[in-house]
Each structure stands twice: as structure tokens, then as C-alpha cells.
Amino acid sequence: MRLVIFGPQGAGKGTQSERISEKYGIPSIATGEIFRAALMGKTALGLKVSEYVDSGKLVPDELTIEVVSERLHADDCKDGFLLDGFPRSLKQAEALDAILAKQSRGLDAALVIEVPEEVSLRRLLGRRACEDCGKNYHLDNPPMVDWTCDRCGGKVVERADDHEETIRKRLSLYHSQTEPLKAYYEAKGILRTVDGLGSVDDVFGRIAAAL
């Protein structure tokens, strides 16, 4: 199964991506993790990415697309994948279609998790993340031991960009750049819209039904 998942910040995409990956036996690939893998692997693309990451700049579309293409050619993607954080724009969506067309493949579904903006804001203001592996937690759902990551033992802290003004700017960017993907994938007949309110289990149940 080949999937993309998107939605406003705080919709729960990361949490649900882990569940989807386990249920369908496909790798969950977040853009940030792709960059980290490229950097650690010291590939030619990874070295290009490091020039931007090290200086705190955004990785440009063209390079992001190259890195995603390289990742989707890995052996663990042969039977499917779930992309979280890519595509973020119509340009990236068209590029993804082109990458898959070269492999004689296409997307099976595009999942969008929807929540009201104030819910996104409340969730993000309480979000905490592991400094080492990036796993997300929340003030209402902390790690088991003293803000130490359950997965890797790293320190769990507030993300530097999880402040109200910054969050509202990111939500505005989502509405202007990423939300148009709903119409793009609806026209292709593969859009699956899921209500992101309720418990993690409730939302995952809706996702499984939609798929």
C-alpha cells in the first residue's frame, strides 16, 4: 500500500503514521527522518542537505524531491510506504507522481486528518519531543520515566518552534500551501478525509475504515 498523510500541525499525523506502519507492514517515512538518514549515510545527497541544515536554512524543493526519490527506491519500499510531511505543496505532489510513474506505480490513497485550528494550537502548545529520535509526547501523555524517551532514552523537551505565534504562522502556511492538496487528490479519486478528534484509537479506527 502506497500512502501519503497530511493535515494541519497537531492533527496527530506522527502518532497515526506509526499505527498505519504497524498494521500494513510498510515503512512510515517522515521528511525529517529522510534527511537524517541521508546525513548519517553521508550520501552525495546527504552532503548537499547538510549545507542547508547546518546553516539553519530550509532545504529547497528540488533537493527535497531528490532525497525523497532516493528513499523511495530503497528495498523496504518495494511493497509500499507511508509518506508523512511530503508532499507539502502542489509542486511536490506533482513531483511525487512523476517519481512513482517512473517506477510504474501510483498512490493508493491520500489521507488527510482534519482538526479545528484551536485544537491544533492546544495540542502543539503541550507537545514535547525527544531531542535524539524525534518521538513526540504531550503534557497529557508524557514518557513513562521523568521526561526520558521511552524509545531511545533521549531527553524529552519542548520544541523550539512550539510557541503560539510560530504555530499560527505554520498553520497559515499549511492553509496556503498544503491544504490545496485536498482538491488535487480528490480529483484523482484517492482522497480519504478523517476526523482527527477523539482518542488515538478512535481516529485510527476511522483511518482503517477509510483505507
Protein backbone atom coordinates (compact mmCIF):
# COMPACT_ATOMS: atom_id res chain seq x y z
CA MET A 1 0.00 0.00 0.00
CA ARG A 2 1.39 3.39 -1.05
CA LEU A 3 0.08 6.29 1.01
CA VAL A 4 0.65 9.92 1.87
CA ILE A 5 -0.72 11.55 5.03
CA PHE A 6 -1.18 15.25 5.66
CA GLY A 7 -3.19 17.65 7.79
CA PRO A 8 -2.63 20.71 9.97
CA GLN A 9 0.12 20.70 12.56
CA GLY A 10 -1.12 18.96 15.71
CA ALA A 11 -3.61 16.75 13.86
CA GLY A 12 -1.83 13.60 15.10
CA LYS A 13 -0.17 12.52 11.86
CA GLY A 14 3.00 11.22 13.54
CA THR A 15 1.12 9.07 16.04
CA GLN A 16 -1.24 7.67 13.42
CA SER A 17 1.61 7.06 10.97
CA GLU A 18 3.20 4.66 13.47
CA ARG A 19 -0.09 2.76 13.77
CA ILE A 20 -0.56 2.59 9.99
CA SER A 21 3.02 1.37 9.53
CA GLU A 22 2.48 -1.46 12.02
CA LYS A 23 -0.90 -2.53 10.66
CA TYR A 24 0.05 -2.60 6.99
CA GLY A 25 3.73 -3.56 7.31
CA ILE A 26 5.04 -0.56 5.40
CA PRO A 27 7.72 1.96 6.39
CA SER A 28 6.50 5.27 7.78
CA ILE A 29 8.76 7.91 6.26
CA ALA A 30 8.82 11.43 7.68
CA THR A 31 10.71 14.06 5.73
CA GLY A 32 12.88 14.89 8.73
CA GLU A 33 13.84 11.23 9.09
CA ILE A 34 14.75 11.07 5.40
CA PHE A 35 17.10 14.00 5.87
CA ARG A 36 18.63 12.43 8.99
CA ALA A 37 19.19 9.12 7.17
CA ALA A 38 20.81 10.91 4.22
CA LEU A 39 23.05 12.87 6.58
CA MET A 40 24.06 9.79 8.59
CA GLY A 41 24.66 7.79 5.41
CA LYS A 42 26.88 10.57 4.10
CA THR A 43 25.46 10.07 0.62
CA ALA A 44 26.09 12.69 -2.05
CA LEU A 45 22.56 14.00 -1.49
CA GLY A 46 23.09 13.89 2.26
CA LEU A 47 26.12 16.14 1.93
CA LYS A 48 24.05 18.62 -0.10
CA VAL A 49 21.33 18.56 2.57
CA SER A 50 23.89 19.20 5.31
CA GLU A 51 24.83 22.53 3.70
CA TYR A 52 21.31 23.79 4.39
CA VAL A 53 20.61 22.01 7.68
CA ASP A 54 23.90 23.12 9.24
CA SER A 55 23.17 26.76 8.40
CA GLY A 56 19.55 26.56 9.59
CA LYS A 57 18.08 27.11 6.14
CA LEU A 58 15.10 25.33 4.59
CA VAL A 59 16.04 22.54 2.19
CA PRO A 60 14.82 23.68 -1.27
CA ASP A 61 12.10 21.77 -3.13
CA GLU A 62 14.40 20.37 -5.80
CA LEU A 63 16.74 18.81 -3.26
CA THR A 64 13.90 17.55 -1.07
CA ILE A 65 12.39 15.83 -4.11
CA GLU A 66 15.74 14.20 -4.94
CA VAL A 67 16.12 12.90 -1.38
CA VAL A 68 12.56 11.52 -1.31
CA SER A 69 13.14 9.82 -4.68
CA GLU A 70 16.30 8.17 -3.36
CA ARG A 71 14.45 6.96 -0.25
CA LEU A 72 11.54 5.50 -2.23
CA HIS A 73 13.97 3.37 -4.25
CA ALA A 74 15.10 1.58 -1.06
CA ASP A 75 14.28 -2.12 -0.72
CA ASP A 76 11.87 -1.63 2.18
CA CYS A 77 9.59 0.48 -0.05
CA LYS A 78 9.01 -2.25 -2.64
CA ASP A 79 5.72 -3.31 -1.07
CA GLY A 80 4.57 0.17 -0.13
CA PHE A 81 5.25 3.16 2.09
CA LEU A 82 3.61 5.96 4.04
CA LEU A 83 4.97 9.47 3.47
CA ASP A 84 4.43 11.96 6.31
CA GLY A 85 5.46 15.56 5.60
CA PHE A 86 5.81 15.12 1.85
CA PRO A 87 4.28 16.40 -0.31
CA ARG A 88 3.67 19.79 1.30
CA SER A 89 2.71 21.61 -1.89
CA LEU A 90 1.21 21.01 -5.32
CA LYS A 91 4.68 21.18 -6.87
CA GLN A 92 5.89 18.40 -4.57
CA ALA A 93 2.73 16.34 -5.22
CA GLU A 94 3.33 16.52 -8.95
CA ALA A 95 6.97 15.55 -8.43
CA LEU A 96 5.92 12.54 -6.34
CA ASP A 97 3.56 11.42 -9.09
CA ALA A 98 6.45 11.65 -11.56
CA ILE A 99 8.77 9.64 -9.28
CA LEU A 100 6.19 6.87 -8.93
CA ALA A 101 5.30 6.91 -12.63
CA LYS A 102 8.93 6.08 -13.44
CA GLN A 103 8.51 3.02 -11.21
CA SER A 104 5.17 2.17 -12.88
CA ARG A 105 3.45 2.76 -9.55
CA GLY A 106 0.95 5.21 -8.11
CA LEU A 107 -0.55 6.21 -4.77
CA ASP A 108 -3.35 4.10 -3.35
CA ALA A 109 -4.68 6.82 -1.05
CA ALA A 110 -4.01 10.30 0.29
CA LEU A 111 -5.12 10.60 3.92
CA VAL A 112 -5.95 14.00 5.39
CA ILE A 113 -6.61 14.24 9.13
CA GLU A 114 -8.69 17.29 9.96
CA VAL A 115 -9.00 19.13 13.28
CA PRO A 116 -10.10 22.70 14.12
CA GLU A 117 -7.29 25.24 14.36
CA GLU A 118 -7.78 25.84 18.09
CA VAL A 119 -7.40 22.10 18.71
CA SER A 120 -4.13 22.14 16.76
CA LEU A 121 -2.95 25.07 18.85
CA ARG A 122 -3.83 23.43 22.16
CA ARG A 123 -2.16 20.17 21.19
CA LEU A 124 1.04 21.83 19.97
CA LEU A 125 1.43 24.09 23.00
CA GLY A 126 1.53 20.95 25.14
CA ARG A 127 3.73 18.93 22.79
CA ARG A 128 7.16 17.71 23.80
CA ALA A 129 9.68 15.80 21.66
CA CYS A 130 12.77 13.64 22.13
CA GLU A 131 15.95 15.53 21.29
CA ASP A 132 17.55 12.40 19.82
CA CYS A 133 14.93 10.43 17.86
CA GLY A 134 12.14 13.00 17.50
CA LYS A 135 9.38 10.88 19.09
CA ASN A 136 6.51 13.12 20.19
CA TYR A 137 4.90 13.26 23.63
CA HIS A 138 2.46 15.64 25.32
CA LEU A 139 1.95 17.14 28.75
CA ASP A 140 -1.19 14.98 28.93
CA ASN A 141 0.70 11.87 27.75
CA PRO A 142 4.31 12.07 29.00
CA PRO A 143 7.00 9.36 28.74
CA MET A 144 6.98 6.72 31.46
CA VAL A 145 10.08 7.95 33.32
CA ASP A 146 10.99 11.56 34.13
CA TRP A 147 10.76 13.04 30.60
CA THR A 148 13.14 10.44 29.21
CA CYS A 149 12.18 8.98 25.83
CA ASP A 150 10.57 5.53 26.06
CA ARG A 151 12.06 4.58 22.68
CA CYS A 152 15.70 5.70 22.85
CA GLY A 153 16.32 7.17 26.32
CA GLY A 154 16.89 10.70 24.99
CA LYS A 155 15.82 13.85 26.79
CA VAL A 156 12.23 14.94 26.07
CA VAL A 157 11.89 18.72 25.76
CA GLU A 158 9.65 21.44 24.38
CA ARG A 159 10.31 22.02 20.68
CA ALA A 160 11.85 25.40 19.94
CA ASP A 161 9.14 26.18 17.38
CA ASP A 162 6.14 25.23 19.55
CA HIS A 163 5.16 28.75 20.60
CA GLU A 164 1.80 30.32 19.78
CA GLU A 165 3.00 32.92 17.28
CA THR A 166 5.17 30.39 15.45
CA ILE A 167 2.41 27.77 15.47
CA ARG A 168 -0.11 30.20 13.97
CA LYS A 169 2.36 31.06 11.20
CA ARG A 170 2.88 27.37 10.43
CA LEU A 171 -0.89 26.80 10.35
CA SER A 172 -1.25 29.73 7.96
CA LEU A 173 1.39 28.16 5.69
CA TYR A 174 -0.47 24.84 5.85
CA HIS A 175 -3.69 26.50 4.69
CA SER A 176 -2.00 28.34 1.83
CA GLN A 177 0.47 25.68 0.61
CA THR A 178 -0.66 22.21 1.70
CA GLU A 179 -4.44 22.36 2.00
CA PRO A 180 -4.84 22.68 -1.80
CA LEU A 181 -3.65 19.05 -1.94
CA LYS A 182 -7.16 18.04 -0.87
CA ALA A 183 -8.61 19.18 -4.19
CA TYR A 184 -5.64 17.72 -6.09
CA TYR A 185 -6.10 14.23 -4.63
CA GLU A 186 -9.89 14.41 -4.63
CA ALA A 187 -9.73 14.95 -8.40
CA LYS A 188 -7.69 11.75 -8.64
CA GLY A 189 -10.28 9.88 -6.57
CA ILE A 190 -7.86 8.84 -3.83
CA LEU A 191 -8.54 11.42 -1.08
CA ARG A 192 -9.61 9.95 2.26
CA THR A 193 -10.72 12.55 4.83
CA VAL A 194 -10.60 11.53 8.50
CA ASP A 195 -11.93 13.38 11.55
CA GLY A 196 -8.95 13.82 13.92
CA LEU A 197 -11.00 14.48 17.09
CA GLY A 198 -11.27 11.83 19.79
CA SER A 199 -8.87 9.26 21.17
CA VAL A 200 -5.92 7.86 19.24
CA ASP A 201 -7.82 4.57 18.92
CA ASP A 202 -10.96 6.31 17.65
CA VAL A 203 -9.03 8.18 14.96
CA PHE A 204 -7.11 5.09 13.91
CA GLY A 205 -10.36 3.18 13.59
CA ARG A 206 -11.61 5.81 11.15
CA ILE A 207 -8.36 5.61 9.19
CA ALA A 208 -8.54 1.83 8.92
CA ALA A 209 -12.15 2.07 7.76
CA ALA A 210 -11.23 4.72 5.18
CA LEU A 211 -8.45 2.53 3.78
